[in-house]
Amino acid sequence: MVTSPPTVVPLLPEVAFPDDPGLGDLPRLFDSEWIWRAYCCQFGRPSVDPRQIRIRQFSHSPGRVALVSYEVEWPTDDFIPSQHLAIKVERDKPIDLYRYPEDRRLPGLGEAAHPESALALLNKHVLAVRARRALVELIRYRPASRAVIRHGVGRVRFYARVMRPDAVNPVLTAHALVGQSSFVVPRLAGYWAEGGVVWLSAIPGENLRLRIQDGKLPDPAPLLDGLQTLWSAPHVPAGTRPFNLSGAYRRAKRSFKHNVQDDGAASRNLKDAVKSLDPFVRSWRPSGIAHNDFYDDQMLVLRDGSVALVDFEEAGPGDPLLDVGNFLAHLRWASCLGRRGRRDGSGAYYQQFRDAALERFRWSERDLAFREAVCLFRICTNAIRRPQGDWHRRLGAGLSLVNETLG
């Protein structure tokens, strides 16, 4: 049993959050000495000490559960790949600690993450190839929720989406739905239902968010065309899930109430925002088929100018105005609170896209403003989920922006 860590490993960024009476262990998740000691006790003391541990994401439901994912970074000279670590504290339960790719909620992740077993999975569920091993590259990982891994054999590339097994059928259903739109959609290459893995073909293109940030503002027409064809999909597959706006809104509001309790200005901004948004969310109902998570980072621009939609898991009954409102909210956040400041083209594209949508669909500006505001309210959770040293300022500024949108 390791009783103390060999060194004090820096934890970046240095952040602190309000105490949670229901989760007495919450402060430990931001205590570098405790984190490193827990790592050594769970996995054994490594021969090399890390250079630092970086906080990647913080998920917190006050009084219930909190999970922090970290990236353990080793000294550059040792050429050791960084390691993903997660620690969860839950009310009335022992502290849970695990590292990638060992994830009990994602049973297929271990096999999908190793070259030899990944090749076996590809041969069984996608296509038979002659090779000794597959190329495996982690793209994204959210502990206990999902991961995206790039698999390659020779020149062929696939994206393996790893999820909880009960999410496979809804993803397949959403894929069939968005396939009826004019967006380019990745081809479904295969799936392993029991393991929770779905393989999609790779699409060569440039990330739309990066293009906008660099000032390469695309014509809004192809995006609006794609949305319009999705909204009017002729066939809605059975089992398509409706979007749960009220649940997402309640989770964000509960988090904000906990985190702004000691900040008078932010508390007032929160109070003003929910005074308008509460009745809107209570009255909101799905009005048609929608993407339900439409924003710039979900798309690629291809060489011919067409747009590929590469993230679509939420597609189903929803609200067309909410799709446009969500896109605008992400642009507004990037323009006002993004790290690139004036160099970011998001502000200019915000106005361009908004004007084009209103002209085409003849919507009420007030109706669209409510959708943009409620989406921006949810996006404010980014200040907490991806914490930086100034998370409190960013959260307060985001809530102020919500009220500005509401007028």
Protein backbone atom coordinates (compact mmCIF):
# COMPACT_ATOMS: atom_id res chain seq x y z
CA MET A 1 0.00 0.00 0.00
CA VAL A 2 1.40 3.39 -1.03
CA THR A 3 0.98 5.80 1.86
CA SER A 4 2.34 8.92 0.16
CA PRO A 5 3.13 9.93 -3.40
CA PRO A 6 6.81 10.10 -4.48
CA THR A 7 6.41 13.75 -5.51
CA VAL A 8 3.81 16.49 -5.53
CA VAL A 9 2.45 16.53 -9.08
CA PRO A 10 1.15 19.89 -10.36
CA LEU A 11 -2.57 20.00 -11.15
CA LEU A 12 -3.62 22.39 -13.91
CA PRO A 13 -5.57 24.55 -14.02
CA GLU A 14 -5.76 25.51 -10.36
CA VAL A 15 -9.47 25.81 -9.66
CA ALA A 16 -11.81 25.63 -6.70
CA PHE A 17 -15.58 25.28 -6.49
CA PRO A 18 -18.07 25.91 -3.67
CA ASP A 19 -18.34 23.11 -1.10
CA ASP A 20 -21.17 20.65 -1.59
CA PRO A 21 -22.65 19.48 1.75
CA GLY A 22 -23.99 16.34 0.05
CA LEU A 23 -20.55 15.44 -1.35
CA GLY A 24 -17.96 15.95 1.34
CA ASP A 25 -15.20 14.48 -0.88
CA LEU A 26 -15.70 17.04 -3.66
CA PRO A 27 -12.64 19.21 -2.75
CA ARG A 28 -10.39 16.15 -3.07
CA LEU A 29 -11.05 16.07 -6.81
CA PHE A 30 -9.04 19.31 -7.07
CA ASP A 31 -6.29 18.38 -4.58
CA SER A 32 -3.23 17.28 -6.57
CA GLU A 33 -1.58 15.45 -3.65
CA TRP A 34 -4.73 13.44 -2.92
CA ILE A 35 -5.29 12.63 -6.62
CA TRP A 36 -1.76 11.32 -7.08
CA ARG A 37 -1.90 9.27 -3.89
CA ALA A 38 -5.20 7.73 -5.00
CA TYR A 39 -3.67 6.90 -8.39
CA CYS A 40 -0.69 5.15 -6.82
CA CYS A 41 -2.90 3.19 -4.42
CA GLN A 42 -5.22 2.03 -7.18
CA PHE A 43 -2.79 1.29 -10.01
CA GLY A 44 0.61 0.99 -8.34
CA ARG A 45 3.46 3.42 -8.24
CA PRO A 46 4.88 4.00 -11.75
CA SER A 47 8.59 4.04 -12.41
CA VAL A 48 8.36 7.60 -13.77
CA ASP A 49 6.61 10.50 -12.08
CA PRO A 50 4.18 12.56 -14.21
CA ARG A 51 5.12 16.00 -15.36
CA GLN A 52 1.63 17.26 -14.50
CA ILE A 53 -2.03 16.29 -14.29
CA ARG A 54 -4.46 18.34 -16.35
CA ILE A 55 -8.18 18.66 -15.62
CA ARG A 56 -10.13 17.84 -18.79
CA GLN A 57 -13.75 17.93 -17.66
CA PHE A 58 -15.84 18.38 -14.54
CA SER A 59 -19.36 16.99 -14.28
CA HIS A 60 -21.33 17.82 -11.13
CA SER A 61 -24.91 17.30 -10.02
CA PRO A 62 -24.99 19.11 -6.65
CA GLY A 63 -25.73 16.84 -3.71
CA ARG A 64 -25.65 13.75 -5.91
CA VAL A 65 -22.53 12.98 -7.90
CA ALA A 66 -19.36 14.60 -9.26
CA LEU A 67 -16.85 13.26 -11.76
CA VAL A 68 -13.59 14.80 -12.91
CA SER A 69 -11.63 13.47 -15.85
CA TYR A 70 -7.91 14.18 -16.01
CA GLU A 71 -5.04 13.72 -18.41
CA VAL A 72 -1.86 12.47 -16.78
CA GLU A 73 1.08 13.91 -18.75
CA TRP A 74 4.51 12.32 -18.44
CA PRO A 75 7.93 13.95 -18.97
CA THR A 76 8.51 14.67 -22.66
CA ASP A 77 11.86 12.87 -22.72
CA ASP A 78 10.28 9.59 -21.65
CA PHE A 79 7.99 9.39 -24.73
CA ILE A 80 5.13 7.94 -22.68
CA PRO A 81 1.66 8.69 -24.08
CA SER A 82 -0.60 10.67 -21.79
CA GLN A 83 -3.10 8.70 -19.75
CA HIS A 84 -6.79 9.42 -19.14
CA LEU A 85 -7.95 9.14 -15.55
CA ALA A 86 -11.37 9.69 -13.98
CA ILE A 87 -12.47 9.92 -10.35
CA LYS A 88 -16.11 9.93 -9.27
CA VAL A 89 -17.61 10.76 -5.90
CA GLU A 90 -21.24 9.85 -5.32
CA ARG A 91 -23.44 10.37 -2.30
CA ASP A 92 -23.37 7.40 0.09
CA LYS A 93 -21.02 5.41 -2.19
CA PRO A 94 -17.25 4.72 -2.18
CA ILE A 95 -14.99 6.86 -4.32
CA ASP A 96 -14.59 5.32 -7.78
CA LEU A 97 -11.37 5.70 -9.76
CA TYR A 98 -10.55 4.27 -13.19
CA ARG A 99 -8.37 4.95 -16.19
CA TYR A 100 -8.81 4.62 -19.95
CA PRO A 101 -9.69 2.25 -21.52
CA GLU A 102 -11.05 0.41 -18.47
CA ASP A 103 -14.60 1.78 -18.22
CA ARG A 104 -17.34 -0.37 -16.73
CA ARG A 105 -20.10 1.68 -18.37
CA LEU A 106 -18.56 1.21 -21.83
CA PRO A 107 -18.06 -2.56 -22.17
CA GLY A 108 -16.67 -2.41 -25.71
CA LEU A 109 -14.09 0.29 -25.07
CA GLY A 110 -11.26 -1.98 -23.95
CA GLU A 111 -11.37 -4.07 -27.13
CA ALA A 112 -11.92 -1.07 -29.41
CA ALA A 113 -8.92 0.74 -27.90
CA HIS A 114 -6.23 -1.94 -28.46
CA PRO A 115 -4.78 -2.55 -31.95
CA GLU A 116 -5.02 -6.36 -31.97
CA SER A 117 -8.54 -6.64 -30.57
CA ALA A 118 -9.69 -3.65 -32.67
CA LEU A 119 -8.62 -5.52 -35.79
CA ALA A 120 -10.61 -8.56 -34.67
CA LEU A 121 -13.67 -6.36 -34.16
CA LEU A 122 -13.27 -4.78 -37.60
CA ASN A 123 -12.99 -8.20 -39.22
CA LYS A 124 -16.11 -9.43 -37.44
CA HIS A 125 -18.40 -6.42 -37.65
CA VAL A 126 -17.15 -4.22 -40.51
CA LEU A 127 -15.01 -5.87 -43.20
CA ALA A 128 -12.47 -8.69 -43.52
CA VAL A 129 -8.93 -7.41 -44.08
CA ARG A 130 -5.49 -8.94 -44.17
CA ALA A 131 -3.46 -7.16 -41.55
CA ARG A 132 -1.69 -7.85 -38.27
CA ARG A 133 -3.11 -4.94 -36.34
CA ALA A 134 -5.26 -1.85 -36.73
CA LEU A 135 -4.27 1.76 -36.28
CA VAL A 136 -5.99 3.09 -33.17
CA GLU A 137 -6.19 6.78 -32.27
CA LEU A 138 -8.31 8.23 -29.46
CA ILE A 139 -10.23 11.30 -30.62
CA ARG A 140 -12.56 12.01 -27.68
CA TYR A 141 -13.39 10.33 -24.40
CA ARG A 142 -15.99 11.20 -21.83
CA PRO A 143 -15.72 8.72 -18.95
CA ALA A 144 -18.74 6.48 -18.35
CA SER A 145 -20.51 8.12 -21.30
CA ARG A 146 -18.88 7.81 -24.74
CA ALA A 147 -15.69 7.78 -26.76
CA VAL A 148 -14.66 8.25 -30.38
CA ILE A 149 -11.73 6.25 -31.71
CA ARG A 150 -10.24 6.38 -35.21
CA HIS A 151 -9.58 2.91 -36.61
CA GLY A 152 -7.42 2.43 -39.67
CA VAL A 153 -6.28 -0.51 -41.77
CA GLY A 154 -4.05 0.48 -44.68
CA ARG A 155 -5.68 3.53 -46.28
CA VAL A 156 -9.14 2.76 -44.95
CA ARG A 157 -10.34 4.80 -41.96
CA PHE A 158 -13.38 4.45 -39.74
CA TYR A 159 -14.61 6.27 -36.67
CA ALA A 160 -15.68 3.92 -33.90
CA ARG A 161 -18.25 5.53 -31.62
CA VAL A 162 -18.22 3.73 -28.29
CA MET A 163 -21.26 4.15 -26.06
CA ARG A 164 -23.41 2.37 -23.54
CA PRO A 165 -25.08 -0.60 -25.24
CA ASP A 166 -28.58 0.77 -24.70
CA ALA A 167 -27.64 3.83 -26.79
CA VAL A 168 -26.83 1.85 -29.96
CA ASN A 169 -30.37 1.52 -31.32
CA PRO A 170 -31.18 5.24 -30.81
CA VAL A 171 -27.96 6.15 -32.66
CA LEU A 172 -28.83 3.84 -35.55
CA THR A 173 -32.31 5.36 -35.67
CA ALA A 174 -30.91 8.91 -35.69
CA HIS A 175 -28.51 7.94 -38.48
CA ALA A 176 -31.40 6.70 -40.61
CA LEU A 177 -33.28 9.94 -39.94
CA VAL A 178 -30.49 12.38 -40.88
CA GLY A 179 -29.72 10.21 -43.92
CA GLN A 180 -32.94 11.57 -45.46
CA SER A 181 -31.62 15.14 -45.38
CA SER A 182 -29.43 16.86 -47.98
CA PHE A 183 -26.46 16.83 -45.61
CA VAL A 184 -23.62 14.46 -46.41
CA VAL A 185 -23.74 11.79 -43.70
CA PRO A 186 -21.06 9.19 -42.81
CA ARG A 187 -21.85 5.70 -44.07
CA LEU A 188 -22.81 3.18 -41.40
CA ALA A 189 -20.06 0.56 -41.73
CA GLY A 190 -21.09 -1.81 -38.95
CA TYR A 191 -21.95 -2.10 -35.30
CA TRP A 192 -21.50 -4.33 -32.26
CA ALA A 193 -24.64 -3.94 -30.18
CA GLU A 194 -23.49 -5.84 -27.08
CA GLY A 195 -20.26 -3.86 -26.86
CA GLY A 196 -21.86 -0.52 -27.66
CA VAL A 197 -19.69 0.24 -30.72
CA VAL A 198 -20.85 1.78 -34.00
CA TRP A 199 -18.46 2.26 -36.94
CA LEU A 200 -18.95 5.14 -39.39
CA SER A 201 -16.94 5.91 -42.50
CA ALA A 202 -14.46 8.78 -42.41
CA ILE A 203 -15.33 11.88 -44.47
CA PRO A 204 -12.48 14.16 -45.63
CA GLY A 205 -13.33 17.77 -44.95
CA GLU A 206 -12.53 20.89 -42.93
CA ASN A 207 -14.14 21.50 -39.56
CA LEU A 208 -16.77 24.22 -39.94
CA ARG A 209 -15.94 25.81 -36.57
CA LEU A 210 -12.29 26.23 -37.51
CA ARG A 211 -13.24 27.78 -40.84
CA ILE A 212 -15.53 30.29 -39.14
CA GLN A 213 -12.93 31.13 -36.51
CA ASP A 214 -10.39 31.78 -39.28
CA GLY A 215 -12.78 34.17 -41.01
CA LYS A 216 -13.72 31.80 -43.87
CA LEU A 217 -17.42 32.43 -43.51
CA PRO A 218 -19.49 29.91 -45.49
CA ASP A 219 -22.68 30.65 -47.35
CA PRO A 220 -25.53 29.94 -44.87
CA ALA A 221 -27.68 28.50 -47.66
CA PRO A 222 -26.29 24.90 -47.65
CA LEU A 223 -26.72 24.70 -43.87
CA LEU A 224 -30.28 26.01 -44.00
CA ASP A 225 -31.05 23.74 -46.96
CA GLY A 226 -29.83 20.75 -44.98
CA LEU A 227 -31.87 21.71 -41.95
CA GLN A 228 -34.98 22.27 -44.04
CA THR A 229 -34.75 18.81 -45.61
CA LEU A 230 -34.18 17.25 -42.19
CA TRP A 231 -37.18 19.05 -40.68
CA SER A 232 -39.36 17.71 -43.50
CA ALA A 233 -38.04 14.14 -43.42
CA PRO A 234 -40.69 11.96 -45.12
CA HIS A 235 -40.15 8.97 -42.84
CA VAL A 236 -39.56 9.07 -39.09
CA PRO A 237 -38.12 5.72 -37.87
CA ALA A 238 -39.86 4.02 -34.99
CA GLY A 239 -38.13 4.52 -31.65
CA THR A 240 -36.99 8.08 -32.41
CA ARG A 241 -36.60 9.84 -29.07
CA PRO A 242 -37.97 13.35 -28.43
CA PHE A 243 -35.58 16.02 -27.20
CA ASN A 244 -35.75 16.64 -23.44
CA LEU A 245 -35.27 20.39 -23.17
CA SER A 246 -36.75 20.66 -19.69
CA GLY A 247 -34.36 18.06 -18.26
CA ALA A 248 -31.30 19.74 -19.75
CA TYR A 249 -32.48 23.14 -18.54
CA ARG A 250 -33.15 21.92 -14.98
CA ARG A 251 -29.69 20.35 -14.72
CA ALA A 252 -28.03 23.59 -15.82
CA LYS A 253 -30.13 25.70 -13.46
CA ARG A 254 -29.36 23.45 -10.49
CA SER A 255 -25.64 23.70 -11.23
CA PHE A 256 -25.72 27.49 -11.55
CA LYS A 257 -27.63 27.96 -8.29
CA HIS A 258 -24.91 26.04 -6.48
CA ASN A 259 -21.99 27.79 -8.15
CA VAL A 260 -23.11 31.44 -8.01
CA GLN A 261 -24.39 31.39 -4.43
CA ASP A 262 -21.56 33.65 -3.20
CA ASP A 263 -21.64 36.09 -6.13
CA GLY A 264 -24.31 38.76 -5.88
CA ALA A 265 -24.09 40.00 -9.50
CA ALA A 266 -24.13 36.49 -10.98
CA SER A 267 -27.01 35.48 -8.68
CA ARG A 268 -29.04 38.45 -9.91
CA ASN A 269 -28.29 37.57 -13.52
CA LEU A 270 -29.39 33.99 -12.86
CA LYS A 271 -32.59 35.16 -11.17
CA ASP A 272 -33.43 37.46 -14.09
CA ALA A 273 -32.70 34.76 -16.67
CA VAL A 274 -34.83 32.03 -15.09
CA LYS A 275 -37.69 34.48 -14.54
CA SER A 276 -38.08 34.60 -18.33
CA LEU A 277 -36.89 31.12 -19.24
CA ASP A 278 -38.86 29.09 -16.67
CA PRO A 279 -42.27 29.78 -18.26
CA PHE A 280 -40.84 29.33 -21.76
CA VAL A 281 -39.41 25.90 -20.92
CA ARG A 282 -42.62 24.83 -19.16
CA SER A 283 -44.66 25.66 -22.25
CA TRP A 284 -42.19 24.27 -24.79
CA ARG A 285 -43.15 21.13 -26.71
CA PRO A 286 -41.58 19.35 -29.71
CA SER A 287 -43.12 20.75 -32.88
CA GLY A 288 -41.44 18.63 -35.56
CA ILE A 289 -38.31 16.72 -36.51
CA ALA A 290 -35.04 18.47 -35.63
CA HIS A 291 -31.34 17.83 -35.15
CA ASN A 292 -31.53 18.93 -31.48
CA ASP A 293 -27.79 19.69 -31.09
CA PHE A 294 -26.97 21.70 -34.20
CA TYR A 295 -23.80 23.81 -34.06
CA ASP A 296 -20.65 24.47 -36.05
CA ASP A 297 -18.37 21.88 -34.45
CA GLN A 298 -20.72 19.09 -35.62
CA MET A 299 -20.02 19.68 -39.32
CA LEU A 300 -17.37 19.46 -42.02
CA VAL A 301 -17.11 21.51 -45.21
CA LEU A 302 -16.15 19.36 -48.21
CA ARG A 303 -14.13 20.44 -51.24
CA ASP A 304 -17.23 20.96 -53.37
CA GLY A 305 -18.77 23.23 -50.73
CA SER A 306 -21.28 20.68 -49.46
CA VAL A 307 -21.69 20.18 -45.73
CA ALA A 308 -21.24 16.87 -43.87
CA LEU A 309 -23.09 16.29 -40.62
CA VAL A 310 -20.89 14.03 -38.49
CA ASP A 311 -22.67 14.25 -35.12
CA PHE A 312 -26.38 13.52 -35.09
CA GLU A 313 -27.19 11.32 -32.08
CA GLU A 314 -29.92 13.64 -30.75
CA ALA A 315 -31.92 13.84 -33.99
CA GLY A 316 -35.64 13.25 -33.51
CA PRO A 317 -38.78 15.11 -32.44
CA GLY A 318 -37.79 18.62 -31.41
CA ASP A 319 -38.04 22.23 -32.50
CA PRO A 320 -36.67 23.65 -35.79
CA LEU A 321 -36.26 27.11 -34.23
CA LEU A 322 -34.20 25.54 -31.47
CA ASP A 323 -31.75 24.15 -34.05
CA VAL A 324 -31.08 27.65 -35.38
CA GLY A 325 -31.10 29.11 -31.86
CA ASN A 326 -28.50 26.59 -30.74
CA PHE A 327 -26.25 27.36 -33.72
CA LEU A 328 -26.50 31.09 -32.95
CA ALA A 329 -25.87 30.54 -29.24
CA HIS A 330 -22.61 28.69 -29.91
CA LEU A 331 -21.46 31.47 -32.25
CA ARG A 332 -22.38 34.08 -29.64
CA TRP A 333 -20.47 32.28 -26.88
CA ALA A 334 -17.38 31.94 -29.10
CA SER A 335 -17.56 35.58 -30.16
CA CYS A 336 -18.03 37.04 -26.68
CA LEU A 337 -16.32 34.51 -24.41
CA GLY A 338 -14.06 32.46 -26.67
CA ARG A 339 -10.31 32.45 -26.23
CA ARG A 340 -9.52 33.90 -29.66
CA GLY A 341 -11.20 37.26 -29.07
CA ARG A 342 -11.29 39.62 -32.04
CA ARG A 343 -9.50 37.15 -34.29
CA ASP A 344 -12.58 34.91 -34.23
CA GLY A 345 -15.01 35.29 -37.13
CA SER A 346 -17.92 33.88 -35.10
CA GLY A 347 -19.43 37.31 -34.39
CA ALA A 348 -19.63 38.25 -38.06
CA TYR A 349 -21.10 34.88 -39.01
CA TYR A 350 -23.62 35.09 -36.18
CA GLN A 351 -25.28 38.10 -37.78
CA GLN A 352 -25.01 36.66 -41.28
CA PHE A 353 -26.59 33.32 -40.33
CA ARG A 354 -29.30 34.91 -38.19
CA ASP A 355 -30.35 37.29 -40.95
CA ALA A 356 -30.44 34.49 -43.51
CA ALA A 357 -32.57 32.24 -41.28
CA LEU A 358 -35.08 34.98 -40.44
CA GLU A 359 -35.39 36.01 -44.08
CA ARG A 360 -35.94 32.46 -45.27
CA PHE A 361 -38.33 31.18 -42.61
CA ARG A 362 -40.08 34.44 -41.64
CA TRP A 363 -39.94 33.56 -37.96
CA SER A 364 -40.68 35.94 -35.12
CA GLU A 365 -37.45 37.48 -33.86
CA ARG A 366 -38.76 37.16 -30.31
CA ASP A 367 -39.47 33.43 -30.72
CA LEU A 368 -35.96 32.87 -32.05
CA ALA A 369 -34.44 34.98 -29.23
CA PHE A 370 -36.02 32.73 -26.60
CA ARG A 371 -34.53 29.65 -28.29
CA GLU A 372 -31.12 31.27 -28.55
CA ALA A 373 -31.26 32.34 -24.91
CA VAL A 374 -32.22 28.93 -23.53
CA CYS A 375 -29.45 27.30 -25.59
CA LEU A 376 -26.95 29.92 -24.43
CA PHE A 377 -28.07 29.24 -20.86
CA ARG A 378 -27.13 25.56 -21.31
CA ILE A 379 -23.83 26.48 -23.00
CA CYS A 380 -22.90 28.49 -19.89
CA THR A 381 -22.24 25.12 -18.25
CA ASN A 382 -19.03 25.08 -20.35
CA ALA A 383 -17.49 27.45 -17.80
CA ILE A 384 -17.91 24.71 -15.18
CA ARG A 385 -17.51 21.55 -17.27
CA ARG A 386 -14.25 22.74 -18.83
CA PRO A 387 -12.91 24.81 -15.95
CA GLN A 388 -10.23 27.43 -16.16
CA GLY A 389 -8.95 29.72 -13.44
CA ASP A 390 -11.48 32.37 -14.47
CA TRP A 391 -14.48 30.00 -14.61
CA HIS A 392 -16.50 32.15 -12.22
CA ARG A 393 -16.07 35.29 -14.32
CA ARG A 394 -16.97 33.41 -17.51
CA LEU A 395 -20.09 31.95 -15.95
CA GLY A 396 -21.26 35.35 -14.75
CA ALA A 397 -20.55 36.89 -18.15
CA GLY A 398 -22.41 34.08 -19.87
CA LEU A 399 -25.51 34.56 -17.71
CA SER A 400 -25.36 38.30 -18.44
CA LEU A 401 -25.27 37.45 -22.15
CA VAL A 402 -28.40 35.32 -21.73
CA ASN A 403 -30.27 38.32 -20.35
CA GLU A 404 -28.93 40.53 -23.12
CA THR A 405 -30.32 38.03 -25.66
CA LEU A 406 -33.69 38.08 -23.93
CA GLY A 407 -33.71 41.87 -24.07
